[in-house]
Amino acid sequence: MDREDLFIIFKMAIENKSEAFGFYQKAAMNTSDPESKKLFEEFARGEEYHLNRLKDRYRELTETQQPKV
C-alpha cells in the first residue's frame, strides 16, 4: 500500500466515524428511554474518541508528506 492509498483510507475512516458519531448523538437526543439515551451517549463518546485519534494521526501523516488527494 502506498501513502496515497493510506491517505484515502484515513479520509474514509474519518468520514465513517463522523457519521457514526452524529448518528449516536441524534439517537441519544431523540430517545425518551433513559437507558437507551445513556447507551447512545456512550457510543457517541467512543466514536468521538476514535474520530479524534484518526484526525490526529492523519494530521501527523500529512505534516510529513502532503497527500495528492
N, C-alpha and C. Protein backbone atom coordinates (compact mmCIF):
# COMPACT_ATOMS: atom_id res chain seq x y z
N MET A 1 0.85 -1.17 0.00
CA MET A 1 0.00 0.00 0.00
C MET A 1 0.90 1.24 0.00
N ASP A 2 0.62 2.15 -0.90
CA ASP A 2 1.42 3.38 -0.92
C ASP A 2 0.75 4.44 -0.04
N ARG A 3 1.45 5.56 0.12
CA ARG A 3 0.95 6.62 1.01
C ARG A 3 -0.36 7.21 0.52
N GLU A 4 -0.53 7.33 -0.78
CA GLU A 4 -1.78 7.89 -1.30
C GLU A 4 -2.97 7.01 -0.91
N ASP A 5 -2.80 5.69 -0.99
CA ASP A 5 -3.86 4.78 -0.55
C ASP A 5 -4.14 4.96 0.93
N LEU A 6 -3.09 5.13 1.70
CA LEU A 6 -3.23 5.33 3.13
C LEU A 6 -4.03 6.61 3.43
N PHE A 7 -3.73 7.68 2.72
CA PHE A 7 -4.48 8.93 2.90
C PHE A 7 -5.96 8.74 2.57
N ILE A 8 -6.23 8.03 1.51
CA ILE A 8 -7.63 7.77 1.11
C ILE A 8 -8.35 6.97 2.19
N ILE A 9 -7.69 5.95 2.69
CA ILE A 9 -8.30 5.11 3.73
C ILE A 9 -8.57 5.93 4.99
N PHE A 10 -7.62 6.76 5.39
CA PHE A 10 -7.84 7.60 6.57
C PHE A 10 -9.01 8.54 6.36
N LYS A 11 -9.11 9.15 5.19
CA LYS A 11 -10.22 10.06 4.92
C LYS A 11 -11.56 9.34 4.99
N MET A 12 -11.60 8.12 4.45
CA MET A 12 -12.84 7.33 4.51
C MET A 12 -13.19 6.98 5.95
N ALA A 13 -12.19 6.59 6.72
CA ALA A 13 -12.42 6.23 8.12
C ALA A 13 -12.91 7.44 8.92
N ILE A 14 -12.34 8.60 8.66
CA ILE A 14 -12.76 9.82 9.34
C ILE A 14 -14.20 10.15 9.00
N GLU A 15 -14.57 10.03 7.74
CA GLU A 15 -15.96 10.26 7.34
C GLU A 15 -16.91 9.29 8.02
N ASN A 16 -16.54 8.01 8.04
CA ASN A 16 -17.39 6.99 8.66
C ASN A 16 -17.56 7.24 10.16
N LYS A 17 -16.49 7.56 10.85
CA LYS A 17 -16.58 7.82 12.29
C LYS A 17 -17.39 9.08 12.57
N SER A 18 -17.25 10.07 11.72
CA SER A 18 -18.02 11.31 11.88
C SER A 18 -19.52 11.03 11.73
N GLU A 19 -19.87 10.22 10.74
CA GLU A 19 -21.27 9.85 10.54
C GLU A 19 -21.81 9.04 11.72
N ALA A 20 -21.02 8.11 12.21
CA ALA A 20 -21.44 7.28 13.34
C ALA A 20 -21.61 8.14 14.59
N PHE A 21 -20.71 9.06 14.82
CA PHE A 21 -20.80 9.97 15.95
C PHE A 21 -22.11 10.77 15.89
N GLY A 22 -22.39 11.33 14.73
CA GLY A 22 -23.64 12.09 14.55
C GLY A 22 -24.87 11.22 14.73
N PHE A 23 -24.81 10.01 14.23
CA PHE A 23 -25.93 9.08 14.36
C PHE A 23 -26.25 8.82 15.83
N TYR A 24 -25.22 8.51 16.62
CA TYR A 24 -25.45 8.19 18.03
C TYR A 24 -25.86 9.43 18.83
N GLN A 25 -25.33 10.59 18.49
CA GLN A 25 -25.75 11.82 19.15
C GLN A 25 -27.24 12.08 18.89
N LYS A 26 -27.63 11.94 17.65
CA LYS A 26 -29.03 12.16 17.28
C LYS A 26 -29.93 11.13 17.97
N ALA A 27 -29.49 9.87 17.99
CA ALA A 27 -30.28 8.83 18.64
C ALA A 27 -30.46 9.15 20.13
N ALA A 28 -29.41 9.62 20.78
CA ALA A 28 -29.48 9.97 22.20
C ALA A 28 -30.46 11.12 22.43
N MET A 29 -30.45 12.08 21.53
CA MET A 29 -31.35 13.23 21.68
C MET A 29 -32.80 12.86 21.41
N ASN A 30 -33.02 11.86 20.57
CA ASN A 30 -34.38 11.53 20.14
C ASN A 30 -35.05 10.42 20.93
N THR A 31 -34.35 9.83 21.87
CA THR A 31 -34.98 8.75 22.64
C THR A 31 -35.49 9.30 23.98
N SER A 32 -36.58 8.73 24.43
CA SER A 32 -37.11 9.13 25.74
C SER A 32 -36.75 8.10 26.82
N ASP A 33 -36.17 6.99 26.41
CA ASP A 33 -35.79 5.94 27.35
C ASP A 33 -34.42 6.27 27.95
N PRO A 34 -34.34 6.43 29.26
CA PRO A 34 -33.09 6.82 29.90
C PRO A 34 -31.93 5.83 29.67
N GLU A 35 -32.22 4.54 29.69
CA GLU A 35 -31.17 3.55 29.47
C GLU A 35 -30.64 3.61 28.04
N SER A 36 -31.54 3.77 27.08
CA SER A 36 -31.11 3.90 25.68
C SER A 36 -30.31 5.17 25.49
N LYS A 37 -30.76 6.26 26.09
CA LYS A 37 -30.05 7.53 25.99
C LYS A 37 -28.62 7.38 26.50
N LYS A 38 -28.48 6.74 27.66
CA LYS A 38 -27.16 6.53 28.26
C LYS A 38 -26.27 5.69 27.34
N LEU A 39 -26.83 4.65 26.76
CA LEU A 39 -26.09 3.78 25.86
C LEU A 39 -25.66 4.53 24.59
N PHE A 40 -26.58 5.27 23.98
CA PHE A 40 -26.25 6.03 22.78
C PHE A 40 -25.19 7.09 23.07
N GLU A 41 -25.27 7.73 24.23
CA GLU A 41 -24.26 8.72 24.60
C GLU A 41 -22.89 8.06 24.77
N GLU A 42 -22.87 6.88 25.34
CA GLU A 42 -21.62 6.13 25.50
C GLU A 42 -21.04 5.78 24.12
N PHE A 43 -21.90 5.32 23.23
CA PHE A 43 -21.44 5.00 21.87
C PHE A 43 -20.90 6.25 21.18
N ALA A 44 -21.59 7.37 21.34
CA ALA A 44 -21.15 8.63 20.72
C ALA A 44 -19.77 9.03 21.24
N ARG A 45 -19.56 8.90 22.55
CA ARG A 45 -18.24 9.23 23.11
C ARG A 45 -17.15 8.33 22.53
N GLY A 46 -17.47 7.05 22.35
CA GLY A 46 -16.49 6.14 21.75
C GLY A 46 -16.16 6.52 20.32
N GLU A 47 -17.18 6.87 19.55
CA GLU A 47 -16.95 7.27 18.16
C GLU A 47 -16.17 8.59 18.11
N GLU A 48 -16.48 9.50 19.02
CA GLU A 48 -15.76 10.77 19.05
C GLU A 48 -14.28 10.55 19.37
N TYR A 49 -14.01 9.65 20.31
CA TYR A 49 -12.62 9.33 20.65
C TYR A 49 -11.89 8.78 19.42
N HIS A 50 -12.51 7.81 18.74
CA HIS A 50 -11.88 7.22 17.56
C HIS A 50 -11.71 8.27 16.46
N LEU A 51 -12.70 9.11 16.28
CA LEU A 51 -12.63 10.17 15.27
C LEU A 51 -11.44 11.09 15.55
N ASN A 52 -11.29 11.51 16.78
CA ASN A 52 -10.19 12.41 17.12
C ASN A 52 -8.84 11.74 16.96
N ARG A 53 -8.74 10.46 17.30
CA ARG A 53 -7.48 9.73 17.10
C ARG A 53 -7.13 9.64 15.61
N LEU A 54 -8.13 9.35 14.79
CA LEU A 54 -7.89 9.27 13.34
C LEU A 54 -7.46 10.62 12.79
N LYS A 55 -8.13 11.68 13.21
CA LYS A 55 -7.77 13.03 12.74
C LYS A 55 -6.36 13.40 13.15
N ASP A 56 -6.00 13.08 14.39
CA ASP A 56 -4.64 13.38 14.87
C ASP A 56 -3.60 12.63 14.05
N ARG A 57 -3.85 11.35 13.82
CA ARG A 57 -2.89 10.54 13.06
C ARG A 57 -2.80 11.00 11.61
N TYR A 58 -3.94 11.35 11.02
CA TYR A 58 -3.95 11.86 9.65
C TYR A 58 -3.14 13.15 9.58
N ARG A 59 -3.34 14.02 10.56
CA ARG A 59 -2.60 15.28 10.61
C ARG A 59 -1.10 15.01 10.69
N GLU A 60 -0.71 14.05 11.52
CA GLU A 60 0.71 13.68 11.63
C GLU A 60 1.26 13.20 10.29
N LEU A 61 0.49 12.37 9.61
CA LEU A 61 0.93 11.85 8.32
C LEU A 61 1.05 12.94 7.27
N THR A 62 0.10 13.86 7.26
CA THR A 62 0.12 14.90 6.23
C THR A 62 1.18 15.96 6.51
N GLU A 63 1.62 16.06 7.76
CA GLU A 63 2.71 17.00 8.07
C GLU A 63 4.03 16.52 7.51
N THR A 64 4.18 15.21 7.39
CA THR A 64 5.43 14.65 6.87
C THR A 64 5.42 14.54 5.35
N GLN A 65 4.23 14.40 4.77
CA GLN A 65 4.13 14.31 3.31
C GLN A 65 2.71 14.69 2.90
N GLN A 66 2.60 15.68 2.07
CA GLN A 66 1.29 16.14 1.62
C GLN A 66 0.63 15.13 0.69
N PRO A 67 -0.65 14.81 0.94
CA PRO A 67 -1.36 13.89 0.04
C PRO A 67 -1.70 14.59 -1.27
N LYS A 68 -1.85 13.82 -2.33
CA LYS A 68 -2.25 14.35 -3.62
C LYS A 68 -3.75 14.25 -3.84
N VAL A 69 -4.46 13.78 -2.80
CA VAL A 69 -5.89 13.55 -2.90
C VAL A 69 -6.65 14.83 -2.67
